[in-house]
Amino acid sequence: MKLKQEVSYKVEKSHKSVSCLQEIFNLLACLKKNDFSQEYCDIEIKGFQTCYDDHKNTLAKQKIENENIIALSGKTRYPTKQLNKLLRKYLNLNHQNVCHLNQK
């Protein structure tokens, strides 16, 4: 039985799948209340922008963590990209060793 050389990609959902939802609701409610005039909703706009910036920073950090291949002893699940990199690295090494042994 031969294993595949890649792991199929599935979207790995976090516990909080929709970010800044409360801030969006607050902003839309304020805009509706003030006939969609932004000048009265500065607090809500700043709250949404802060939440969005935090979310972007979190995603950027997660992307960097997922790209770095660091095997942690207690970690049982790895992102798909990380698994595929590990498989490519070690399957190629194994294939080269087998070819080298067959040539002798």
C-alpha atoms as a PDB file:
ATOM      1  CA  MET A   1       0.000   0.000   0.000  1.00  0.00           C
ATOM      2  CA  LYS A   2       1.431   3.330  -1.027  1.00  0.00           C
ATOM      3  CA  LEU A   3       0.566   6.568   0.726  1.00  0.00           C
ATOM      4  CA  LYS A   4      -0.191   9.744  -1.168  1.00  0.00           C
ATOM      5  CA  GLN A   5       2.512  12.373  -1.255  1.00  0.00           C
ATOM      6  CA  GLU A   6       0.181  15.201  -0.234  1.00  0.00           C
ATOM      7  CA  VAL A   7      -2.503  15.876   2.321  1.00  0.00           C
ATOM      8  CA  SER A   8      -5.746  17.242   0.894  1.00  0.00           C
ATOM      9  CA  TYR A   9      -6.453  20.835   1.810  1.00  0.00           C
ATOM     10  CA  LYS A  10      -9.393  21.516   4.062  1.00  0.00           C
ATOM     11  CA  VAL A  11     -10.246  24.882   5.491  1.00  0.00           C
ATOM     12  CA  GLU A  12      -9.184  24.842   9.079  1.00  0.00           C
ATOM     13  CA  LYS A  13     -11.802  26.825  10.899  1.00  0.00           C
ATOM     14  CA  SER A  14     -11.009  28.592  14.096  1.00  0.00           C
ATOM     15  CA  HIS A  15     -13.430  28.747  17.005  1.00  0.00           C
ATOM     16  CA  LYS A  16     -14.326  32.293  16.045  1.00  0.00           C
ATOM     17  CA  SER A  17     -15.209  31.959  12.377  1.00  0.00           C
ATOM     18  CA  VAL A  18     -16.637  35.466  11.960  1.00  0.00           C
ATOM     19  CA  SER A  19     -14.548  38.240  13.393  1.00  0.00           C
ATOM     20  CA  CYS A  20     -15.708  41.741  14.293  1.00  0.00           C
ATOM     21  CA  LEU A  21     -19.364  40.802  13.880  1.00  0.00           C
ATOM     22  CA  GLN A  22     -20.483  42.787  16.925  1.00  0.00           C
ATOM     23  CA  GLU A  23     -18.546  45.848  15.735  1.00  0.00           C
ATOM     24  CA  ILE A  24     -20.190  45.604  12.307  1.00  0.00           C
ATOM     25  CA  PHE A  25     -23.647  45.421  13.890  1.00  0.00           C
ATOM     26  CA  ASN A  26     -22.887  48.426  16.094  1.00  0.00           C
ATOM     27  CA  LEU A  27     -21.631  50.423  13.104  1.00  0.00           C
ATOM     28  CA  LEU A  28     -24.629  49.554  10.921  1.00  0.00           C
ATOM     29  CA  ALA A  29     -27.064  50.385  13.723  1.00  0.00           C
ATOM     30  CA  CYS A  30     -25.389  53.753  14.250  1.00  0.00           C
ATOM     31  CA  LEU A  31     -25.412  54.511  10.534  1.00  0.00           C
ATOM     32  CA  LYS A  32     -29.086  53.594  10.244  1.00  0.00           C
ATOM     33  CA  LYS A  33     -29.967  55.674  13.296  1.00  0.00           C
ATOM     34  CA  ASN A  34     -28.165  58.724  11.833  1.00  0.00           C
ATOM     35  CA  ASP A  35     -29.430  58.374   8.230  1.00  0.00           C
ATOM     36  CA  PHE A  36     -26.100  56.878   7.118  1.00  0.00           C
ATOM     37  CA  SER A  37     -24.079  59.925   8.081  1.00  0.00           C
ATOM     38  CA  GLN A  38     -20.601  58.859   9.156  1.00  0.00           C
ATOM     39  CA  GLU A  39     -19.857  61.984  11.168  1.00  0.00           C
ATOM     40  CA  TYR A  40     -21.999  60.770  14.094  1.00  0.00           C
ATOM     41  CA  CYS A  41     -20.508  57.271  14.211  1.00  0.00           C
ATOM     42  CA  ASP A  42     -16.835  57.963  14.900  1.00  0.00           C
ATOM     43  CA  ILE A  43     -16.698  55.671  17.946  1.00  0.00           C
ATOM     44  CA  GLU A  44     -18.250  52.751  16.076  1.00  0.00           C
ATOM     45  CA  ILE A  45     -16.029  53.279  13.027  1.00  0.00           C
ATOM     46  CA  LYS A  46     -12.893  53.372  15.189  1.00  0.00           C
ATOM     47  CA  GLY A  47     -14.076  50.267  17.061  1.00  0.00           C
ATOM     48  CA  PHE A  48     -14.563  48.360  13.817  1.00  0.00           C
ATOM     49  CA  GLN A  49     -11.221  49.527  12.381  1.00  0.00           C
ATOM     50  CA  THR A  50      -9.395  48.485  15.554  1.00  0.00           C
ATOM     51  CA  CYS A  51     -11.044  45.070  15.515  1.00  0.00           C
ATOM     52  CA  TYR A  52     -10.271  44.597  11.814  1.00  0.00           C
ATOM     53  CA  ASP A  53      -6.624  45.611  12.257  1.00  0.00           C
ATOM     54  CA  ASP A  54      -6.285  43.166  15.170  1.00  0.00           C
ATOM     55  CA  HIS A  55      -7.842  40.429  13.053  1.00  0.00           C
ATOM     56  CA  LYS A  56      -5.439  41.110  10.155  1.00  0.00           C
ATOM     57  CA  ASN A  57      -2.455  40.994  12.528  1.00  0.00           C
ATOM     58  CA  THR A  58      -3.652  37.707  14.001  1.00  0.00           C
ATOM     59  CA  LEU A  59      -4.034  36.175  10.532  1.00  0.00           C
ATOM     60  CA  ALA A  60      -0.557  37.371   9.546  1.00  0.00           C
ATOM     61  CA  LYS A  61       0.954  35.794  12.680  1.00  0.00           C
ATOM     62  CA  GLN A  62      -0.886  32.521  12.020  1.00  0.00           C
ATOM     63  CA  LYS A  63       0.365  32.487   8.426  1.00  0.00           C
ATOM     64  CA  ILE A  64       3.967  32.929   9.572  1.00  0.00           C
ATOM     65  CA  GLU A  65       3.553  30.161  12.172  1.00  0.00           C
ATOM     66  CA  ASN A  66       2.049  27.823   9.578  1.00  0.00           C
ATOM     67  CA  GLU A  67       4.864  28.443   7.105  1.00  0.00           C
ATOM     68  CA  ASN A  68       7.612  27.716   9.617  1.00  0.00           C
ATOM     69  CA  ILE A  69       8.179  24.028  10.117  1.00  0.00           C
ATOM     70  CA  ILE A  70       8.705  23.610  13.819  1.00  0.00           C
ATOM     71  CA  ALA A  71       7.834  20.253  15.288  1.00  0.00           C
ATOM     72  CA  LEU A  72       6.486  20.726  18.772  1.00  0.00           C
ATOM     73  CA  SER A  73       6.395  17.602  20.880  1.00  0.00           C
ATOM     74  CA  GLY A  74       2.949  18.264  22.349  1.00  0.00           C
ATOM     75  CA  LYS A  75       1.300  19.340  19.110  1.00  0.00           C
ATOM     76  CA  THR A  76      -0.934  16.675  17.564  1.00  0.00           C
ATOM     77  CA  ARG A  77      -2.395  18.595  14.607  1.00  0.00           C
ATOM     78  CA  TYR A  78      -0.425  20.437  11.970  1.00  0.00           C
ATOM     79  CA  PRO A  79      -1.681  22.774   9.240  1.00  0.00           C
ATOM     80  CA  THR A  80      -2.024  21.240   5.775  1.00  0.00           C
ATOM     81  CA  LYS A  81       0.748  23.354   4.258  1.00  0.00           C
ATOM     82  CA  GLN A  82       3.133  22.319   7.002  1.00  0.00           C
ATOM     83  CA  LEU A  83       2.337  18.625   6.543  1.00  0.00           C
ATOM     84  CA  ASN A  84       2.843  18.852   2.787  1.00  0.00           C
ATOM     85  CA  LYS A  85       6.228  20.531   3.272  1.00  0.00           C
ATOM     86  CA  LEU A  86       7.289  17.807   5.693  1.00  0.00           C
ATOM     87  CA  LEU A  87       6.088  15.077   3.332  1.00  0.00           C
ATOM     88  CA  ARG A  88       7.937  16.603   0.367  1.00  0.00           C
ATOM     89  CA  LYS A  89      11.104  16.969   2.413  1.00  0.00           C
ATOM     90  CA  TYR A  90      11.185  13.456   3.855  1.00  0.00           C
ATOM     91  CA  LEU A  91       9.710  11.593   0.897  1.00  0.00           C
ATOM     92  CA  ASN A  92      12.391  13.073  -1.363  1.00  0.00           C
ATOM     93  CA  LEU A  93      15.087  12.062   1.108  1.00  0.00           C
ATOM     94  CA  ASN A  94      13.681   8.547   1.322  1.00  0.00           C
ATOM     95  CA  HIS A  95      13.418   8.302  -2.475  1.00  0.00           C
ATOM     96  CA  GLN A  96      17.031   9.459  -2.907  1.00  0.00           C
ATOM     97  CA  ASN A  97      18.257   6.937  -0.326  1.00  0.00           C
ATOM     98  CA  VAL A  98      16.407   4.085  -2.050  1.00  0.00           C
ATOM     99  CA  CYS A  99      17.797   5.072  -5.472  1.00  0.00           C
ATOM    100  CA  HIS A 100      21.281   5.317  -3.998  1.00  0.00           C
ATOM    101  CA  LEU A 101      20.984   1.854  -2.432  1.00  0.00           C
ATOM    102  CA  ASN A 102      19.664   0.340  -5.671  1.00  0.00           C
ATOM    103  CA  GLN A 103      22.654   1.644  -7.629  1.00  0.00           C
ATOM    104  CA  LYS A 104      25.176  -0.194  -5.417  1.00  0.00           C
END
